[in-house]
């Protein structure tokens, strides 16, 4: 039986996305058997030979006014769309929903549009979202008035706008896993674990 090959490829300027990529790799290694997982930092090694991999996991933070990380911008420009045609791809992105609430994880949207519309890739790993922005003041007051800490659901976010939003199976979702290491860092590991588990099932890697 052929050993499935997974490529985790990311752009990272301050190290947070690199750290996330390694956590994702470790989750896959822990939850699967007989799978080859390679990890690529675009800055250090450039993009991989996409054709050698069965599954791709691509990650980028969002910078400035909703832009892709610089290494990804160059990769998108220089990669012929045909190289990713029909590839099985999942995305993860990092953002800050408090300081950049109008461009939260926009990089997910930019990568997804390129992959779906230009490359004709097959996207998996959609992530459900419940935007609680309008209820923030009420929630904050309730927390202030209560001595009990209320658990935040993994799909709960608070932002004004995101280019990474879409509809999948009649549900509002992000194009991939959305992480906020600034205001919701305590949810990061659980979100990654749940997302990886879903991907493993979607890609039939648990057999």
C-alpha atoms as a PDB file:
ATOM      1  CA  UNK A   1       0.000   0.000   0.000  1.00  0.00           C
ATOM      2  CA  UNK A   2       1.310   3.428  -0.977  1.00  0.00           C
ATOM      3  CA  UNK A   3       2.347   5.648   1.935  1.00  0.00           C
ATOM      4  CA  UNK A   4       0.373   8.916   1.830  1.00  0.00           C
ATOM      5  CA  UNK A   5       2.571  12.012   1.675  1.00  0.00           C
ATOM      6  CA  UNK A   6       1.568  15.251   3.378  1.00  0.00           C
ATOM      7  CA  UNK A   7       3.267  18.580   2.812  1.00  0.00           C
ATOM      8  CA  UNK A   8       2.882  21.310   5.434  1.00  0.00           C
ATOM      9  CA  UNK A   9       4.040  24.543   3.829  1.00  0.00           C
ATOM     10  CA  UNK A  10       3.979  27.965   5.486  1.00  0.00           C
ATOM     11  CA  UNK A  11       5.202  31.527   5.405  1.00  0.00           C
ATOM     12  CA  UNK A  12       6.214  33.047   8.721  1.00  0.00           C
ATOM     13  CA  UNK A  13       7.806  36.377   9.604  1.00  0.00           C
ATOM     14  CA  UNK A  14       7.816  36.315  13.411  1.00  0.00           C
ATOM     15  CA  UNK A  15       7.748  32.576  14.125  1.00  0.00           C
ATOM     16  CA  UNK A  16       4.121  32.109  15.217  1.00  0.00           C
ATOM     17  CA  UNK A  17       3.014  30.396  12.004  1.00  0.00           C
ATOM     18  CA  UNK A  18       6.118  28.194  12.062  1.00  0.00           C
ATOM     19  CA  UNK A  19       5.254  27.095  15.587  1.00  0.00           C
ATOM     20  CA  UNK A  20       1.681  26.359  14.519  1.00  0.00           C
ATOM     21  CA  UNK A  21       2.860  24.276  11.563  1.00  0.00           C
ATOM     22  CA  UNK A  22       4.944  22.122  13.889  1.00  0.00           C
ATOM     23  CA  UNK A  23       1.983  21.583  16.224  1.00  0.00           C
ATOM     24  CA  UNK A  24      -0.117  20.470  13.242  1.00  0.00           C
ATOM     25  CA  UNK A  25       2.641  18.096  12.151  1.00  0.00           C
ATOM     26  CA  UNK A  26       2.836  16.619  15.641  1.00  0.00           C
ATOM     27  CA  UNK A  27      -0.961  16.170  15.764  1.00  0.00           C
ATOM     28  CA  UNK A  28      -0.953  14.270  12.488  1.00  0.00           C
ATOM     29  CA  UNK A  29       1.986  12.144  13.601  1.00  0.00           C
ATOM     30  CA  UNK A  30       0.227  11.293  16.852  1.00  0.00           C
ATOM     31  CA  UNK A  31      -3.136  10.455  15.293  1.00  0.00           C
ATOM     32  CA  UNK A  32      -2.049   8.556  12.162  1.00  0.00           C
ATOM     33  CA  UNK A  33       0.251   5.709  11.172  1.00  0.00           C
ATOM     34  CA  UNK A  34       2.501   5.111   8.166  1.00  0.00           C
ATOM     35  CA  UNK A  35       2.206   8.635   6.780  1.00  0.00           C
ATOM     36  CA  UNK A  36       5.097  10.743   5.512  1.00  0.00           C
ATOM     37  CA  UNK A  37       4.867  14.367   6.695  1.00  0.00           C
ATOM     38  CA  UNK A  38       7.288  16.966   5.379  1.00  0.00           C
ATOM     39  CA  UNK A  39       7.368  20.587   6.508  1.00  0.00           C
ATOM     40  CA  UNK A  40       8.550  23.551   4.430  1.00  0.00           C
ATOM     41  CA  UNK A  41       9.318  27.117   5.472  1.00  0.00           C
ATOM     42  CA  UNK A  42       8.961  29.211   2.300  1.00  0.00           C
ATOM     43  CA  UNK A  43      11.617  31.666   3.433  1.00  0.00           C
ATOM     44  CA  UNK A  44      14.213  28.988   4.124  1.00  0.00           C
ATOM     45  CA  UNK A  45      13.606  26.472   1.349  1.00  0.00           C
ATOM     46  CA  UNK A  46      11.076  27.936  -1.074  1.00  0.00           C
ATOM     47  CA  UNK A  47       8.008  25.994  -2.199  1.00  0.00           C
ATOM     48  CA  UNK A  48       8.194  22.192  -2.425  1.00  0.00           C
ATOM     49  CA  UNK A  49       7.722  20.034  -5.484  1.00  0.00           C
ATOM     50  CA  UNK A  50       3.948  19.933  -5.181  1.00  0.00           C
ATOM     51  CA  UNK A  51       3.601  16.894  -7.466  1.00  0.00           C
ATOM     52  CA  UNK A  52       5.289  14.614  -4.933  1.00  0.00           C
ATOM     53  CA  UNK A  53       2.544  15.092  -2.332  1.00  0.00           C
ATOM     54  CA  UNK A  54      -0.958  13.697  -1.991  1.00  0.00           C
ATOM     55  CA  UNK A  55      -2.162  16.285   0.527  1.00  0.00           C
ATOM     56  CA  UNK A  56      -1.135  19.883   1.148  1.00  0.00           C
ATOM     57  CA  UNK A  57      -1.594  21.930   4.327  1.00  0.00           C
ATOM     58  CA  UNK A  58      -0.785  25.586   3.700  1.00  0.00           C
ATOM     59  CA  UNK A  59      -0.489  28.297   6.345  1.00  0.00           C
ATOM     60  CA  UNK A  60      -0.061  32.062   6.418  1.00  0.00           C
ATOM     61  CA  UNK A  61      -0.482  34.925   8.864  1.00  0.00           C
ATOM     62  CA  UNK A  62      -2.273  38.102   7.784  1.00  0.00           C
ATOM     63  CA  UNK A  63      -0.240  41.300   7.627  1.00  0.00           C
ATOM     64  CA  UNK A  64      -0.819  45.029   7.249  1.00  0.00           C
ATOM     65  CA  UNK A  65      -4.212  45.732   5.655  1.00  0.00           C
ATOM     66  CA  UNK A  66      -5.196  42.108   5.146  1.00  0.00           C
ATOM     67  CA  UNK A  67      -2.233  41.031   3.024  1.00  0.00           C
ATOM     68  CA  UNK A  68      -0.619  37.652   2.564  1.00  0.00           C
ATOM     69  CA  UNK A  69       2.747  37.080   4.178  1.00  0.00           C
ATOM     70  CA  UNK A  70       5.510  38.178   1.757  1.00  0.00           C
ATOM     71  CA  UNK A  71       6.873  34.706   0.999  1.00  0.00           C
ATOM     72  CA  UNK A  72       3.390  33.538   0.043  1.00  0.00           C
ATOM     73  CA  UNK A  73       2.850  36.561  -2.193  1.00  0.00           C
ATOM     74  CA  UNK A  74       5.928  35.571  -4.196  1.00  0.00           C
ATOM     75  CA  UNK A  75       4.915  31.903  -4.257  1.00  0.00           C
ATOM     76  CA  UNK A  76       1.451  32.717  -5.618  1.00  0.00           C
ATOM     77  CA  UNK A  77       2.981  34.885  -8.341  1.00  0.00           C
ATOM     78  CA  UNK A  78       5.570  32.311  -9.376  1.00  0.00           C
ATOM     79  CA  UNK A  79       3.601  29.044  -9.142  1.00  0.00           C
ATOM     80  CA  UNK A  80       1.834  27.873 -12.330  1.00  0.00           C
ATOM     81  CA  UNK A  81      -1.773  27.058 -11.336  1.00  0.00           C
ATOM     82  CA  UNK A  82      -1.542  23.725 -13.157  1.00  0.00           C
ATOM     83  CA  UNK A  83       0.905  22.457 -10.521  1.00  0.00           C
ATOM     84  CA  UNK A  84      -1.875  22.512  -7.925  1.00  0.00           C
ATOM     85  CA  UNK A  85      -4.777  21.432 -10.097  1.00  0.00           C
ATOM     86  CA  UNK A  86      -6.946  18.801  -8.362  1.00  0.00           C
ATOM     87  CA  UNK A  87      -4.633  18.762  -5.346  1.00  0.00           C
ATOM     88  CA  UNK A  88      -6.189  18.029  -1.947  1.00  0.00           C
ATOM     89  CA  UNK A  89      -5.501  21.177   0.085  1.00  0.00           C
ATOM     90  CA  UNK A  90      -6.324  22.500   3.553  1.00  0.00           C
ATOM     91  CA  UNK A  91      -5.514  25.951   4.938  1.00  0.00           C
ATOM     92  CA  UNK A  92      -4.715  27.511   8.290  1.00  0.00           C
ATOM     93  CA  UNK A  93      -4.226  31.177   9.068  1.00  0.00           C
ATOM     94  CA  UNK A  94      -3.212  33.394  11.979  1.00  0.00           C
ATOM     95  CA  UNK A  95      -4.667  36.806  12.757  1.00  0.00           C
ATOM     96  CA  UNK A  96      -5.572  39.319  15.439  1.00  0.00           C
ATOM     97  CA  UNK A  97      -9.315  39.886  15.738  1.00  0.00           C
ATOM     98  CA  UNK A  98      -8.992  42.719  18.254  1.00  0.00           C
ATOM     99  CA  UNK A  99      -6.393  44.988  16.645  1.00  0.00           C
ATOM    100  CA  UNK A 100      -7.228  44.031  13.047  1.00  0.00           C
ATOM    101  CA  UNK A 101     -10.930  43.265  13.313  1.00  0.00           C
ATOM    102  CA  UNK A 102     -11.695  44.415   9.735  1.00  0.00           C
ATOM    103  CA  UNK A 103      -9.117  42.123   8.098  1.00  0.00           C
ATOM    104  CA  UNK A 104      -9.133  39.104  10.413  1.00  0.00           C
ATOM    105  CA  UNK A 105      -7.323  36.134   8.763  1.00  0.00           C
ATOM    106  CA  UNK A 106      -7.826  37.671   5.309  1.00  0.00           C
ATOM    107  CA  UNK A 107      -4.840  35.613   4.134  1.00  0.00           C
ATOM    108  CA  UNK A 108      -7.041  32.503   4.300  1.00  0.00           C
ATOM    109  CA  UNK A 109      -9.403  34.093   1.806  1.00  0.00           C
ATOM    110  CA  UNK A 110      -6.615  35.180  -0.541  1.00  0.00           C
ATOM    111  CA  UNK A 111      -5.064  31.714  -0.613  1.00  0.00           C
ATOM    112  CA  UNK A 112      -8.445  30.021  -1.000  1.00  0.00           C
ATOM    113  CA  UNK A 113      -9.493  32.202  -3.932  1.00  0.00           C
ATOM    114  CA  UNK A 114      -6.212  31.485  -5.707  1.00  0.00           C
ATOM    115  CA  UNK A 115      -6.451  27.749  -5.062  1.00  0.00           C
ATOM    116  CA  UNK A 116     -10.110  27.347  -5.979  1.00  0.00           C
ATOM    117  CA  UNK A 117     -10.526  29.805  -8.853  1.00  0.00           C
ATOM    118  CA  UNK A 118      -7.110  29.728 -10.510  1.00  0.00           C
ATOM    119  CA  UNK A 119      -5.569  26.393  -9.548  1.00  0.00           C
ATOM    120  CA  UNK A 120      -8.811  24.369  -9.422  1.00  0.00           C
ATOM    121  CA  UNK A 121      -7.595  22.648  -6.260  1.00  0.00           C
ATOM    122  CA  UNK A 122      -9.884  20.657  -3.955  1.00  0.00           C
ATOM    123  CA  UNK A 123     -10.263  22.446  -0.645  1.00  0.00           C
ATOM    124  CA  UNK A 124     -10.930  20.666   2.653  1.00  0.00           C
ATOM    125  CA  UNK A 125     -10.694  21.708   6.275  1.00  0.00           C
ATOM    126  CA  UNK A 126     -13.404  24.366   6.383  1.00  0.00           C
ATOM    127  CA  UNK A 127     -13.830  25.717   9.906  1.00  0.00           C
ATOM    128  CA  UNK A 128     -17.212  26.780  11.390  1.00  0.00           C
ATOM    129  CA  UNK A 129     -17.510  30.290  12.780  1.00  0.00           C
ATOM    130  CA  UNK A 130     -19.830  32.015  15.209  1.00  0.00           C
ATOM    131  CA  UNK A 131     -19.098  35.745  15.183  1.00  0.00           C
ATOM    132  CA  UNK A 132     -20.021  37.161  18.587  1.00  0.00           C
ATOM    133  CA  UNK A 133     -18.958  40.756  17.906  1.00  0.00           C
ATOM    134  CA  UNK A 134     -22.398  42.260  18.588  1.00  0.00           C
ATOM    135  CA  UNK A 135     -22.737  40.409  21.869  1.00  0.00           C
ATOM    136  CA  UNK A 136     -19.303  41.350  23.189  1.00  0.00           C
ATOM    137  CA  UNK A 137     -20.452  44.112  25.524  1.00  0.00           C
ATOM    138  CA  UNK A 138     -23.116  41.927  27.090  1.00  0.00           C
ATOM    139  CA  UNK A 139     -20.711  38.996  27.467  1.00  0.00           C
ATOM    140  CA  UNK A 140     -18.063  41.215  29.023  1.00  0.00           C
ATOM    141  CA  UNK A 141     -20.566  42.538  31.560  1.00  0.00           C
ATOM    142  CA  UNK A 142     -21.706  39.027  32.413  1.00  0.00           C
ATOM    143  CA  UNK A 143     -18.124  37.934  32.960  1.00  0.00           C
ATOM    144  CA  UNK A 144     -17.419  40.965  35.130  1.00  0.00           C
ATOM    145  CA  UNK A 145     -20.490  40.237  37.247  1.00  0.00           C
ATOM    146  CA  UNK A 146     -19.757  36.548  37.628  1.00  0.00           C
ATOM    147  CA  UNK A 147     -17.093  34.782  39.648  1.00  0.00           C
ATOM    148  CA  UNK A 148     -17.268  31.831  37.256  1.00  0.00           C
ATOM    149  CA  UNK A 149     -15.249  31.646  34.029  1.00  0.00           C
ATOM    150  CA  UNK A 150     -17.436  30.866  31.032  1.00  0.00           C
ATOM    151  CA  UNK A 151     -15.914  28.431  28.542  1.00  0.00           C
ATOM    152  CA  UNK A 152     -15.589  29.860  25.022  1.00  0.00           C
ATOM    153  CA  UNK A 153     -16.636  27.511  22.185  1.00  0.00           C
ATOM    154  CA  UNK A 154     -13.900  26.658  19.688  1.00  0.00           C
ATOM    155  CA  UNK A 155     -15.868  28.262  16.847  1.00  0.00           C
ATOM    156  CA  UNK A 156     -16.478  31.548  18.684  1.00  0.00           C
ATOM    157  CA  UNK A 157     -14.789  34.698  17.326  1.00  0.00           C
ATOM    158  CA  UNK A 158     -15.305  38.451  17.512  1.00  0.00           C
ATOM    159  CA  UNK A 159     -14.447  40.575  14.456  1.00  0.00           C
ATOM    160  CA  UNK A 160     -16.011  43.052  12.038  1.00  0.00           C
ATOM    161  CA  UNK A 161     -15.034  41.621   8.665  1.00  0.00           C
ATOM    162  CA  UNK A 162     -12.999  38.831   7.110  1.00  0.00           C
ATOM    163  CA  UNK A 163     -12.195  37.938   3.512  1.00  0.00           C
ATOM    164  CA  UNK A 164     -11.835  34.351   4.721  1.00  0.00           C
ATOM    165  CA  UNK A 165     -15.566  33.800   5.213  1.00  0.00           C
ATOM    166  CA  UNK A 166     -17.635  31.649   2.885  1.00  0.00           C
ATOM    167  CA  UNK A 167     -20.618  29.303   2.964  1.00  0.00           C
ATOM    168  CA  UNK A 168     -20.122  25.545   2.993  1.00  0.00           C
ATOM    169  CA  UNK A 169     -22.964  23.039   3.331  1.00  0.00           C
ATOM    170  CA  UNK A 170     -25.363  25.879   4.205  1.00  0.00           C
ATOM    171  CA  UNK A 171     -23.169  27.025   7.092  1.00  0.00           C
ATOM    172  CA  UNK A 172     -20.975  30.098   7.512  1.00  0.00           C
ATOM    173  CA  UNK A 173     -17.374  28.970   7.731  1.00  0.00           C
ATOM    174  CA  UNK A 174     -13.798  30.085   7.293  1.00  0.00           C
ATOM    175  CA  UNK A 175     -11.951  28.646   4.296  1.00  0.00           C
ATOM    176  CA  UNK A 176      -9.623  26.996   6.805  1.00  0.00           C
ATOM    177  CA  UNK A 177      -8.589  26.943  10.433  1.00  0.00           C
ATOM    178  CA  UNK A 178      -8.550  30.472  11.891  1.00  0.00           C
ATOM    179  CA  UNK A 179      -6.266  31.051  14.874  1.00  0.00           C
ATOM    180  CA  UNK A 180      -5.757  34.106  17.076  1.00  0.00           C
ATOM    181  CA  UNK A 181      -2.670  33.735  19.245  1.00  0.00           C
ATOM    182  CA  UNK A 182      -3.221  37.175  20.769  1.00  0.00           C
ATOM    183  CA  UNK A 183      -6.726  37.259  22.236  1.00  0.00           C
ATOM    184  CA  UNK A 184      -7.649  33.543  22.082  1.00  0.00           C
ATOM    185  CA  UNK A 185      -4.347  31.749  22.497  1.00  0.00           C
ATOM    186  CA  UNK A 186      -5.876  29.455  25.127  1.00  0.00           C
ATOM    187  CA  UNK A 187      -8.047  27.908  22.363  1.00  0.00           C
ATOM    188  CA  UNK A 188      -5.247  27.304  19.859  1.00  0.00           C
ATOM    189  CA  UNK A 189      -4.215  23.773  20.795  1.00  0.00           C
ATOM    190  CA  UNK A 190      -7.796  22.512  21.065  1.00  0.00           C
ATOM    191  CA  UNK A 191      -8.723  24.101  17.746  1.00  0.00           C
ATOM    192  CA  UNK A 192      -5.734  22.521  16.027  1.00  0.00           C
ATOM    193  CA  UNK A 193      -6.496  19.107  17.531  1.00  0.00           C
ATOM    194  CA  UNK A 194     -10.141  19.206  16.425  1.00  0.00           C
ATOM    195  CA  UNK A 195      -9.285  20.483  12.941  1.00  0.00           C
ATOM    196  CA  UNK A 196      -6.626  17.829  12.387  1.00  0.00           C
ATOM    197  CA  UNK A 197      -9.017  15.115  13.498  1.00  0.00           C
ATOM    198  CA  UNK A 198     -11.584  16.348  10.961  1.00  0.00           C
ATOM    199  CA  UNK A 199      -8.994  16.452   8.182  1.00  0.00           C
ATOM    200  CA  UNK A 200      -7.794  12.950   8.954  1.00  0.00           C
ATOM    201  CA  UNK A 201     -11.369  11.713   8.601  1.00  0.00           C
ATOM    202  CA  UNK A 202     -12.063  13.756   5.450  1.00  0.00           C
ATOM    203  CA  UNK A 203      -8.895  12.466   3.791  1.00  0.00           C
ATOM    204  CA  UNK A 204      -9.430   8.881   5.025  1.00  0.00           C
ATOM    205  CA  UNK A 205      -6.036   8.771   6.737  1.00  0.00           C
ATOM    206  CA  UNK A 206      -7.253   6.884   9.779  1.00  0.00           C
ATOM    207  CA  UNK A 207      -7.635   3.534   8.035  1.00  0.00           C
END
